[in-house]
N, C-alpha and C. Protein backbone atom coordinates (compact mmCIF):
# COMPACT_ATOMS: atom_id res chain seq x y z
N MET A 1 2.83 -13.58 94.20
CA MET A 1 1.54 -13.06 94.61
C MET A 1 0.68 -14.23 95.10
N ASN A 2 0.25 -14.16 96.34
CA ASN A 2 -0.56 -15.24 96.90
C ASN A 2 -2.05 -14.96 96.68
N SER A 3 -2.88 -15.87 97.17
CA SER A 3 -4.33 -15.78 96.97
C SER A 3 -4.90 -14.47 97.49
N TRP A 4 -4.46 -14.06 98.66
CA TRP A 4 -4.96 -12.82 99.25
C TRP A 4 -4.58 -11.63 98.38
N GLU A 5 -3.37 -11.60 97.89
CA GLU A 5 -2.91 -10.49 97.05
C GLU A 5 -3.67 -10.45 95.72
N ILE A 6 -3.97 -11.62 95.17
CA ILE A 6 -4.73 -11.70 93.93
C ILE A 6 -6.14 -11.15 94.16
N LYS A 7 -6.78 -11.58 95.23
CA LYS A 7 -8.13 -11.08 95.53
C LYS A 7 -8.11 -9.58 95.82
N ASN A 8 -7.08 -9.11 96.47
CA ASN A 8 -6.96 -7.68 96.77
C ASN A 8 -6.83 -6.87 95.47
N ARG A 9 -6.09 -7.39 94.49
CA ARG A 9 -5.96 -6.71 93.20
C ARG A 9 -7.32 -6.62 92.51
N ILE A 10 -8.09 -7.71 92.55
CA ILE A 10 -9.43 -7.72 91.97
C ILE A 10 -10.30 -6.68 92.66
N ARG A 11 -10.29 -6.66 93.99
CA ARG A 11 -11.11 -5.72 94.76
C ARG A 11 -10.74 -4.27 94.44
N LYS A 12 -9.46 -4.02 94.28
CA LYS A 12 -9.00 -2.66 93.96
C LYS A 12 -9.52 -2.24 92.58
N ARG A 13 -9.44 -3.13 91.62
CA ARG A 13 -9.93 -2.81 90.27
C ARG A 13 -11.43 -2.55 90.29
N ILE A 14 -12.19 -3.39 90.99
CA ILE A 14 -13.64 -3.21 91.08
C ILE A 14 -13.98 -1.88 91.73
N ALA A 15 -13.26 -1.52 92.79
CA ALA A 15 -13.52 -0.26 93.50
C ALA A 15 -13.28 0.95 92.60
N GLU A 16 -12.39 0.81 91.64
CA GLU A 16 -12.06 1.93 90.75
C GLU A 16 -12.97 1.99 89.51
N GLU A 17 -13.82 1.00 89.32
CA GLU A 17 -14.69 0.95 88.14
C GLU A 17 -16.00 1.70 88.35
N ASP A 18 -16.50 2.22 87.25
CA ASP A 18 -17.88 2.70 87.19
C ASP A 18 -18.65 1.67 86.38
N GLY A 19 -19.88 1.42 86.75
CA GLY A 19 -20.72 0.55 85.94
C GLY A 19 -20.65 -0.93 86.26
N VAL A 20 -20.16 -1.29 87.45
CA VAL A 20 -20.17 -2.70 87.84
C VAL A 20 -21.63 -3.10 88.05
N LEU A 21 -22.03 -4.20 87.44
CA LEU A 21 -23.41 -4.67 87.54
C LEU A 21 -23.49 -5.87 88.48
N ARG A 22 -24.49 -5.83 89.35
CA ARG A 22 -24.70 -6.95 90.27
C ARG A 22 -26.19 -7.21 90.36
N LYS A 23 -26.52 -8.49 90.33
CA LYS A 23 -27.92 -8.86 90.49
C LYS A 23 -27.98 -10.33 90.86
N VAL A 24 -29.07 -10.72 91.53
CA VAL A 24 -29.30 -12.11 91.87
C VAL A 24 -30.25 -12.67 90.82
N ALA A 25 -29.88 -13.79 90.22
CA ALA A 25 -30.70 -14.43 89.21
C ALA A 25 -30.44 -15.93 89.24
N PRO A 26 -31.39 -16.72 88.73
CA PRO A 26 -31.21 -18.18 88.76
C PRO A 26 -30.02 -18.67 87.93
N LEU A 27 -29.72 -17.99 86.82
CA LEU A 27 -28.63 -18.43 85.95
C LEU A 27 -27.46 -17.47 86.05
N GLY A 28 -26.34 -17.98 86.54
CA GLY A 28 -25.11 -17.19 86.61
C GLY A 28 -24.20 -17.57 85.45
N VAL A 29 -23.71 -16.56 84.76
CA VAL A 29 -22.80 -16.77 83.64
C VAL A 29 -21.45 -16.15 83.98
N ALA A 30 -20.40 -16.93 83.84
CA ALA A 30 -19.05 -16.38 83.97
C ALA A 30 -18.70 -15.85 82.58
N LEU A 31 -18.69 -14.54 82.44
CA LEU A 31 -18.38 -13.90 81.17
C LEU A 31 -16.88 -13.63 81.13
N CYS A 32 -16.19 -14.33 80.26
CA CYS A 32 -14.73 -14.32 80.25
C CYS A 32 -14.17 -13.66 79.00
N HIS A 33 -13.09 -12.97 79.20
CA HIS A 33 -12.32 -12.43 78.08
C HIS A 33 -10.93 -13.05 78.18
N PRO A 34 -10.46 -13.71 77.11
CA PRO A 34 -9.17 -14.40 77.17
C PRO A 34 -7.98 -13.47 76.98
N ALA A 35 -8.11 -12.26 77.51
CA ALA A 35 -7.02 -11.28 77.51
C ALA A 35 -6.99 -10.66 78.91
N THR A 36 -5.94 -9.94 79.20
CA THR A 36 -5.81 -9.31 80.52
C THR A 36 -6.88 -8.24 80.71
N TYR A 37 -7.09 -7.86 81.95
CA TYR A 37 -8.11 -6.90 82.32
C TYR A 37 -8.04 -5.62 81.48
N GLU A 38 -6.85 -5.04 81.37
CA GLU A 38 -6.71 -3.77 80.65
C GLU A 38 -7.12 -3.91 79.18
N VAL A 39 -6.75 -4.99 78.55
CA VAL A 39 -7.11 -5.21 77.15
C VAL A 39 -8.60 -5.49 77.04
N ALA A 40 -9.11 -6.37 77.88
CA ALA A 40 -10.51 -6.78 77.81
C ALA A 40 -11.47 -5.62 78.05
N MET A 41 -11.14 -4.75 78.99
CA MET A 41 -12.05 -3.67 79.32
C MET A 41 -12.12 -2.60 78.23
N SER A 42 -11.24 -2.68 77.26
CA SER A 42 -11.34 -1.75 76.12
C SER A 42 -12.22 -2.32 75.01
N SER A 43 -12.74 -3.53 75.20
CA SER A 43 -13.59 -4.17 74.21
C SER A 43 -15.05 -3.74 74.39
N LEU A 44 -15.55 -2.98 73.45
CA LEU A 44 -16.94 -2.53 73.53
C LEU A 44 -17.91 -3.70 73.41
N GLY A 45 -17.55 -4.72 72.62
CA GLY A 45 -18.39 -5.90 72.50
C GLY A 45 -18.53 -6.64 73.83
N PHE A 46 -17.43 -6.78 74.54
CA PHE A 46 -17.44 -7.43 75.86
C PHE A 46 -18.34 -6.65 76.81
N GLN A 47 -18.22 -5.33 76.81
CA GLN A 47 -19.04 -4.47 77.67
C GLN A 47 -20.53 -4.61 77.32
N ALA A 48 -20.81 -4.67 76.02
CA ALA A 48 -22.21 -4.77 75.57
C ALA A 48 -22.83 -6.09 76.01
N ILE A 49 -22.11 -7.19 75.87
CA ILE A 49 -22.65 -8.50 76.27
C ILE A 49 -22.86 -8.57 77.78
N TYR A 50 -21.95 -7.98 78.54
CA TYR A 50 -22.10 -7.89 80.00
C TYR A 50 -23.43 -7.22 80.35
N GLN A 51 -23.74 -6.12 79.69
CA GLN A 51 -24.99 -5.41 79.95
C GLN A 51 -26.20 -6.22 79.47
N GLU A 52 -26.08 -6.85 78.30
CA GLU A 52 -27.21 -7.63 77.77
C GLU A 52 -27.56 -8.81 78.67
N ILE A 53 -26.57 -9.49 79.20
CA ILE A 53 -26.86 -10.61 80.10
C ILE A 53 -27.62 -10.09 81.32
N HIS A 54 -27.23 -8.95 81.83
CA HIS A 54 -27.91 -8.37 82.99
C HIS A 54 -29.33 -7.89 82.68
N LYS A 55 -29.60 -7.59 81.42
CA LYS A 55 -30.96 -7.20 81.04
C LYS A 55 -31.92 -8.38 81.04
N HIS A 56 -31.38 -9.60 80.91
CA HIS A 56 -32.22 -10.80 80.90
C HIS A 56 -32.75 -11.05 82.31
N LEU A 57 -34.04 -11.30 82.44
CA LEU A 57 -34.65 -11.47 83.76
C LEU A 57 -34.10 -12.64 84.56
N GLU A 58 -33.68 -13.69 83.87
CA GLU A 58 -33.27 -14.92 84.55
C GLU A 58 -31.76 -15.10 84.67
N ALA A 59 -30.97 -14.09 84.26
CA ALA A 59 -29.52 -14.28 84.20
C ALA A 59 -28.75 -13.11 84.80
N THR A 60 -27.56 -13.44 85.24
CA THR A 60 -26.61 -12.44 85.71
C THR A 60 -25.23 -12.85 85.19
N ALA A 61 -24.34 -11.88 85.09
CA ALA A 61 -22.99 -12.15 84.60
C ALA A 61 -21.96 -11.67 85.61
N GLU A 62 -20.92 -12.47 85.74
CA GLU A 62 -19.74 -12.07 86.51
C GLU A 62 -18.55 -12.18 85.57
N ARG A 63 -17.73 -11.15 85.52
CA ARG A 63 -16.63 -11.10 84.56
C ARG A 63 -15.35 -11.75 85.09
N ALA A 64 -14.62 -12.34 84.17
CA ALA A 64 -13.30 -12.92 84.49
C ALA A 64 -12.37 -12.64 83.32
N PHE A 65 -11.08 -12.54 83.63
CA PHE A 65 -10.09 -12.17 82.64
C PHE A 65 -8.87 -13.06 82.75
N LEU A 66 -8.10 -13.13 81.69
CA LEU A 66 -6.82 -13.82 81.73
C LEU A 66 -5.95 -13.12 82.77
N PRO A 67 -5.40 -13.84 83.74
CA PRO A 67 -4.56 -13.19 84.74
C PRO A 67 -3.36 -12.48 84.11
N ASP A 68 -2.93 -11.42 84.76
CA ASP A 68 -1.75 -10.69 84.30
C ASP A 68 -0.52 -11.60 84.26
N ASN A 69 -0.44 -12.49 85.25
CA ASN A 69 0.67 -13.42 85.31
C ASN A 69 0.12 -14.81 85.67
N PRO A 70 -0.29 -15.59 84.67
CA PRO A 70 -0.89 -16.91 84.95
C PRO A 70 0.01 -17.82 85.79
N GLU A 71 1.31 -17.69 85.64
CA GLU A 71 2.22 -18.55 86.42
C GLU A 71 2.10 -18.30 87.92
N GLU A 72 1.82 -17.07 88.32
CA GLU A 72 1.61 -16.78 89.74
C GLU A 72 0.37 -17.52 90.24
N TYR A 73 -0.67 -17.51 89.46
CA TYR A 73 -1.89 -18.24 89.83
C TYR A 73 -1.59 -19.73 89.93
N ARG A 74 -0.89 -20.25 88.96
CA ARG A 74 -0.57 -21.67 88.93
C ARG A 74 0.31 -22.05 90.14
N ARG A 75 1.31 -21.25 90.38
CA ARG A 75 2.24 -21.53 91.48
C ARG A 75 1.52 -21.51 92.83
N ASN A 76 0.55 -20.61 92.99
CA ASN A 76 -0.19 -20.47 94.24
C ASN A 76 -1.50 -21.25 94.26
N ARG A 77 -1.74 -22.02 93.17
CA ARG A 77 -2.95 -22.84 93.05
C ARG A 77 -4.23 -22.02 93.23
N VAL A 78 -4.25 -20.88 92.55
CA VAL A 78 -5.41 -20.01 92.58
C VAL A 78 -6.11 -20.12 91.22
N PRO A 79 -7.39 -20.47 91.21
CA PRO A 79 -8.11 -20.52 89.93
C PRO A 79 -8.44 -19.10 89.45
N VAL A 80 -8.82 -18.99 88.21
CA VAL A 80 -9.31 -17.70 87.71
C VAL A 80 -10.61 -17.40 88.45
N LEU A 81 -10.69 -16.19 88.98
CA LEU A 81 -11.85 -15.78 89.77
C LEU A 81 -12.62 -14.68 89.05
N THR A 82 -13.93 -14.66 89.27
CA THR A 82 -14.73 -13.57 88.71
C THR A 82 -14.50 -12.32 89.55
N TYR A 83 -14.67 -11.18 88.91
CA TYR A 83 -14.42 -9.91 89.60
C TYR A 83 -15.56 -9.53 90.54
N GLU A 84 -16.79 -9.80 90.17
CA GLU A 84 -17.91 -9.35 90.99
C GLU A 84 -18.00 -10.08 92.33
N ASN A 85 -17.77 -11.39 92.34
CA ASN A 85 -17.93 -12.17 93.59
C ASN A 85 -16.76 -13.09 93.90
N GLU A 86 -15.68 -12.98 93.15
CA GLU A 86 -14.47 -13.78 93.38
C GLU A 86 -14.76 -15.28 93.41
N ARG A 87 -15.60 -15.72 92.48
CA ARG A 87 -15.93 -17.14 92.37
C ARG A 87 -15.07 -17.77 91.28
N PRO A 88 -14.61 -19.01 91.49
CA PRO A 88 -13.87 -19.69 90.42
C PRO A 88 -14.81 -20.04 89.26
N LEU A 89 -14.26 -20.06 88.06
CA LEU A 89 -15.07 -20.35 86.88
C LEU A 89 -15.77 -21.70 86.99
N SER A 90 -15.14 -22.65 87.63
CA SER A 90 -15.72 -24.00 87.74
C SER A 90 -17.00 -24.02 88.57
N ASP A 91 -17.32 -22.95 89.29
CA ASP A 91 -18.56 -22.87 90.07
C ASP A 91 -19.78 -22.54 89.21
N PHE A 92 -19.57 -22.13 87.98
CA PHE A 92 -20.66 -21.68 87.12
C PHE A 92 -21.17 -22.81 86.24
N SER A 93 -22.45 -22.74 85.89
CA SER A 93 -23.00 -23.73 84.95
C SER A 93 -22.70 -23.32 83.51
N VAL A 94 -22.45 -22.02 83.29
CA VAL A 94 -22.13 -21.52 81.95
C VAL A 94 -20.90 -20.62 82.02
N ILE A 95 -19.94 -20.90 81.14
CA ILE A 95 -18.79 -20.02 80.96
C ILE A 95 -18.87 -19.52 79.52
N ALA A 96 -18.93 -18.21 79.36
CA ALA A 96 -19.05 -17.60 78.03
C ALA A 96 -17.77 -16.82 77.73
N PHE A 97 -17.15 -17.13 76.60
CA PHE A 97 -15.94 -16.43 76.17
C PHE A 97 -16.28 -15.48 75.03
N SER A 98 -15.83 -14.26 75.15
CA SER A 98 -15.90 -13.30 74.06
C SER A 98 -14.51 -13.28 73.43
N ILE A 99 -14.43 -13.66 72.17
CA ILE A 99 -13.12 -13.83 71.54
C ILE A 99 -13.09 -13.13 70.18
N ALA A 100 -12.07 -12.32 70.00
CA ALA A 100 -11.96 -11.52 68.79
C ALA A 100 -10.98 -12.10 67.77
N TYR A 101 -9.88 -12.67 68.24
CA TYR A 101 -8.80 -13.07 67.34
C TYR A 101 -8.29 -14.47 67.67
N GLU A 102 -7.71 -15.12 66.69
CA GLU A 102 -7.14 -16.46 66.89
C GLU A 102 -6.09 -16.45 68.00
N MET A 103 -5.34 -15.36 68.11
CA MET A 103 -4.28 -15.28 69.13
C MET A 103 -4.82 -15.35 70.55
N GLU A 104 -6.11 -15.06 70.72
CA GLU A 104 -6.71 -15.11 72.06
C GLU A 104 -7.10 -16.52 72.48
N ILE A 105 -7.08 -17.47 71.58
CA ILE A 105 -7.45 -18.85 71.92
C ILE A 105 -6.56 -19.41 73.03
N THR A 106 -5.28 -19.06 73.01
CA THR A 106 -4.39 -19.55 74.08
C THR A 106 -4.84 -19.02 75.44
N GLY A 107 -5.46 -17.85 75.47
CA GLY A 107 -6.00 -17.33 76.72
C GLY A 107 -7.14 -18.19 77.25
N ILE A 108 -7.95 -18.73 76.34
CA ILE A 108 -9.01 -19.66 76.75
C ILE A 108 -8.38 -20.89 77.38
N PHE A 109 -7.37 -21.43 76.72
CA PHE A 109 -6.69 -22.62 77.25
C PHE A 109 -6.13 -22.35 78.65
N GLU A 110 -5.48 -21.22 78.80
CA GLU A 110 -4.86 -20.87 80.08
C GLU A 110 -5.92 -20.73 81.18
N MET A 111 -7.00 -20.05 80.88
CA MET A 111 -8.04 -19.84 81.88
C MET A 111 -8.69 -21.16 82.30
N LEU A 112 -9.02 -22.01 81.33
CA LEU A 112 -9.63 -23.30 81.68
C LEU A 112 -8.66 -24.17 82.47
N ASP A 113 -7.40 -24.20 82.05
CA ASP A 113 -6.41 -25.01 82.74
C ASP A 113 -6.23 -24.56 84.19
N LEU A 114 -6.18 -23.25 84.42
CA LEU A 114 -6.03 -22.74 85.78
C LEU A 114 -7.20 -23.13 86.68
N CYS A 115 -8.35 -23.39 86.07
CA CYS A 115 -9.55 -23.77 86.83
C CYS A 115 -9.76 -25.28 86.88
N GLY A 116 -8.85 -26.05 86.30
CA GLY A 116 -8.98 -27.50 86.32
C GLY A 116 -10.07 -28.02 85.41
N ILE A 117 -10.40 -27.26 84.37
CA ILE A 117 -11.43 -27.67 83.42
C ILE A 117 -10.73 -28.17 82.15
N SER A 118 -11.11 -29.36 81.71
CA SER A 118 -10.50 -29.94 80.50
C SER A 118 -10.64 -29.00 79.32
N LEU A 119 -9.57 -28.90 78.54
CA LEU A 119 -9.57 -28.01 77.38
C LEU A 119 -10.45 -28.54 76.26
N LEU A 120 -10.42 -29.83 76.05
CA LEU A 120 -11.16 -30.43 74.94
C LEU A 120 -12.60 -30.75 75.35
N ARG A 121 -13.53 -30.36 74.51
CA ARG A 121 -14.95 -30.61 74.74
C ARG A 121 -15.22 -32.08 75.02
N GLU A 122 -14.58 -32.96 74.24
CA GLU A 122 -14.85 -34.40 74.36
C GLU A 122 -14.39 -34.98 75.70
N GLU A 123 -13.55 -34.28 76.43
CA GLU A 123 -13.07 -34.76 77.73
C GLU A 123 -13.92 -34.25 78.90
N ARG A 124 -14.86 -33.35 78.62
CA ARG A 124 -15.70 -32.81 79.68
C ARG A 124 -16.98 -33.63 79.78
N THR A 125 -17.58 -33.60 80.96
CA THR A 125 -18.82 -34.32 81.22
C THR A 125 -19.91 -33.33 81.61
N ALA A 126 -21.07 -33.85 81.94
CA ALA A 126 -22.20 -33.01 82.36
C ALA A 126 -21.91 -32.27 83.66
N ARG A 127 -20.95 -32.72 84.43
CA ARG A 127 -20.62 -32.03 85.68
C ARG A 127 -19.79 -30.77 85.45
N HIS A 128 -19.27 -30.60 84.25
CA HIS A 128 -18.49 -29.41 83.90
C HIS A 128 -19.41 -28.29 83.41
N PRO A 129 -18.93 -27.06 83.50
CA PRO A 129 -19.72 -25.95 82.95
C PRO A 129 -19.88 -26.10 81.43
N PHE A 130 -20.98 -25.56 80.92
CA PHE A 130 -21.21 -25.48 79.48
C PHE A 130 -20.39 -24.29 78.99
N ILE A 131 -19.54 -24.52 78.02
CA ILE A 131 -18.64 -23.47 77.53
C ILE A 131 -19.10 -23.00 76.16
N ILE A 132 -19.36 -21.71 76.07
CA ILE A 132 -19.85 -21.11 74.84
C ILE A 132 -18.91 -19.98 74.43
N ALA A 133 -18.82 -19.75 73.14
CA ALA A 133 -17.98 -18.67 72.62
C ALA A 133 -18.79 -17.79 71.68
N GLY A 134 -18.46 -16.53 71.69
CA GLY A 134 -19.05 -15.57 70.78
C GLY A 134 -18.02 -14.50 70.48
N GLY A 135 -18.35 -13.60 69.61
CA GLY A 135 -17.44 -12.52 69.27
C GLY A 135 -17.01 -12.57 67.82
N PRO A 136 -16.18 -11.61 67.41
CA PRO A 136 -15.77 -11.51 66.01
C PRO A 136 -15.15 -12.79 65.44
N LEU A 137 -14.37 -13.53 66.21
CA LEU A 137 -13.75 -14.74 65.69
C LEU A 137 -14.79 -15.77 65.29
N THR A 138 -15.90 -15.82 66.01
CA THR A 138 -16.92 -16.83 65.71
C THR A 138 -17.63 -16.54 64.40
N ILE A 139 -17.54 -15.32 63.93
CA ILE A 139 -18.13 -14.97 62.64
C ILE A 139 -17.14 -15.29 61.51
N SER A 140 -15.88 -14.98 61.74
CA SER A 140 -14.88 -15.13 60.67
C SER A 140 -14.27 -16.53 60.59
N ASN A 141 -14.14 -17.22 61.74
CA ASN A 141 -13.45 -18.51 61.73
C ASN A 141 -13.93 -19.39 62.90
N PRO A 142 -15.21 -19.77 62.93
CA PRO A 142 -15.72 -20.52 64.08
C PRO A 142 -15.16 -21.93 64.21
N GLU A 143 -14.79 -22.56 63.09
CA GLU A 143 -14.35 -23.96 63.14
C GLU A 143 -13.14 -24.18 64.04
N ILE A 144 -12.30 -23.20 64.16
CA ILE A 144 -11.11 -23.34 64.98
C ILE A 144 -11.46 -23.60 66.46
N LEU A 145 -12.67 -23.21 66.87
CA LEU A 145 -13.09 -23.36 68.26
C LEU A 145 -13.82 -24.67 68.55
N PHE A 146 -14.25 -25.39 67.51
CA PHE A 146 -15.08 -26.58 67.69
C PHE A 146 -14.54 -27.59 68.71
N PRO A 147 -13.25 -27.90 68.73
CA PRO A 147 -12.77 -28.90 69.69
C PRO A 147 -12.82 -28.44 71.16
N PHE A 148 -13.01 -27.14 71.39
CA PHE A 148 -12.83 -26.60 72.73
C PHE A 148 -14.08 -26.08 73.40
N VAL A 149 -15.12 -25.77 72.64
CA VAL A 149 -16.33 -25.20 73.23
C VAL A 149 -17.53 -26.10 72.97
N ASP A 150 -18.55 -25.94 73.80
CA ASP A 150 -19.77 -26.72 73.66
C ASP A 150 -20.78 -26.07 72.74
N GLY A 151 -20.65 -24.76 72.56
CA GLY A 151 -21.55 -24.03 71.69
C GLY A 151 -20.91 -22.75 71.21
N ILE A 152 -21.39 -22.25 70.08
CA ILE A 152 -20.88 -21.02 69.50
C ILE A 152 -22.06 -20.14 69.12
N ILE A 153 -21.99 -18.89 69.50
CA ILE A 153 -22.99 -17.92 69.08
C ILE A 153 -22.40 -17.18 67.89
N ILE A 154 -23.05 -17.33 66.74
CA ILE A 154 -22.60 -16.67 65.52
C ILE A 154 -23.60 -15.58 65.17
N GLY A 155 -23.11 -14.41 64.94
CA GLY A 155 -23.98 -13.30 64.60
C GLY A 155 -23.95 -12.23 65.67
N GLU A 156 -24.92 -11.37 65.64
CA GLU A 156 -24.98 -10.25 66.58
C GLU A 156 -25.25 -10.76 67.99
N GLY A 157 -24.25 -10.71 68.83
CA GLY A 157 -24.35 -11.25 70.17
C GLY A 157 -25.40 -10.60 71.03
N GLU A 158 -25.62 -9.30 70.83
CA GLU A 158 -26.60 -8.59 71.64
C GLU A 158 -28.00 -9.16 71.46
N GLU A 159 -28.28 -9.72 70.30
CA GLU A 159 -29.58 -10.35 70.06
C GLU A 159 -29.55 -11.83 70.42
N ARG A 160 -28.53 -12.51 69.97
CA ARG A 160 -28.46 -13.97 70.14
C ARG A 160 -28.24 -14.41 71.59
N ILE A 161 -27.60 -13.58 72.40
CA ILE A 161 -27.36 -13.99 73.79
C ILE A 161 -28.69 -14.20 74.52
N HIS A 162 -29.70 -13.43 74.18
CA HIS A 162 -31.00 -13.59 74.84
C HIS A 162 -31.66 -14.92 74.45
N GLN A 163 -31.50 -15.32 73.20
CA GLN A 163 -32.03 -16.62 72.77
C GLN A 163 -31.33 -17.74 73.54
N PHE A 164 -30.01 -17.66 73.65
CA PHE A 164 -29.25 -18.66 74.39
C PHE A 164 -29.69 -18.69 75.86
N LEU A 165 -29.81 -17.52 76.47
CA LEU A 165 -30.19 -17.46 77.88
C LEU A 165 -31.61 -17.98 78.11
N ASP A 166 -32.52 -17.70 77.17
CA ASP A 166 -33.89 -18.23 77.28
C ASP A 166 -33.87 -19.76 77.32
N ILE A 167 -33.10 -20.35 76.42
CA ILE A 167 -33.01 -21.82 76.35
C ILE A 167 -32.34 -22.36 77.60
N THR A 168 -31.24 -21.77 78.00
CA THR A 168 -30.44 -22.26 79.13
C THR A 168 -31.19 -22.09 80.45
N ALA A 169 -31.88 -20.97 80.61
CA ALA A 169 -32.61 -20.71 81.85
C ALA A 169 -33.98 -21.41 81.86
N GLY A 170 -34.37 -21.97 80.70
CA GLY A 170 -35.64 -22.67 80.64
C GLY A 170 -36.84 -21.75 80.57
N THR A 171 -36.64 -20.53 80.04
CA THR A 171 -37.77 -19.60 79.95
C THR A 171 -38.35 -19.59 78.56
């Protein structure tokens, strides 16, 4: 599957969706789920955070998912792209992962690697996106994520995401 075919698959999925949110805002967040599209879209928490980011006056979210076949992306040198505007994750100032289980951590690694973003926090610089994680795993076992993310939202994401966005957007 080449770049055109990958983008065509994304466009087809978007065309079949109800509830795609689009808005122009100063702060763009790549909202990522480290699972495939079909698995991620069944996550009510992921859907709720997508809507909450869009409710913030200064922010917008574009969704990205673990590719169905990461090796195809790697072979064709295609980064993980957002569904709303087909932008690579590395174009965003903030990448937010919603993560439920330890088994999904490898999806984070895969997505960052496909975008040429260092996996370890200590290897990234200010020119890299700020990587934040939230979701059920951050409540039950946040320490496992410390080497890989720049920040963790612990608690009810629907409330805390607005605090994070206020700080990040400078409002």
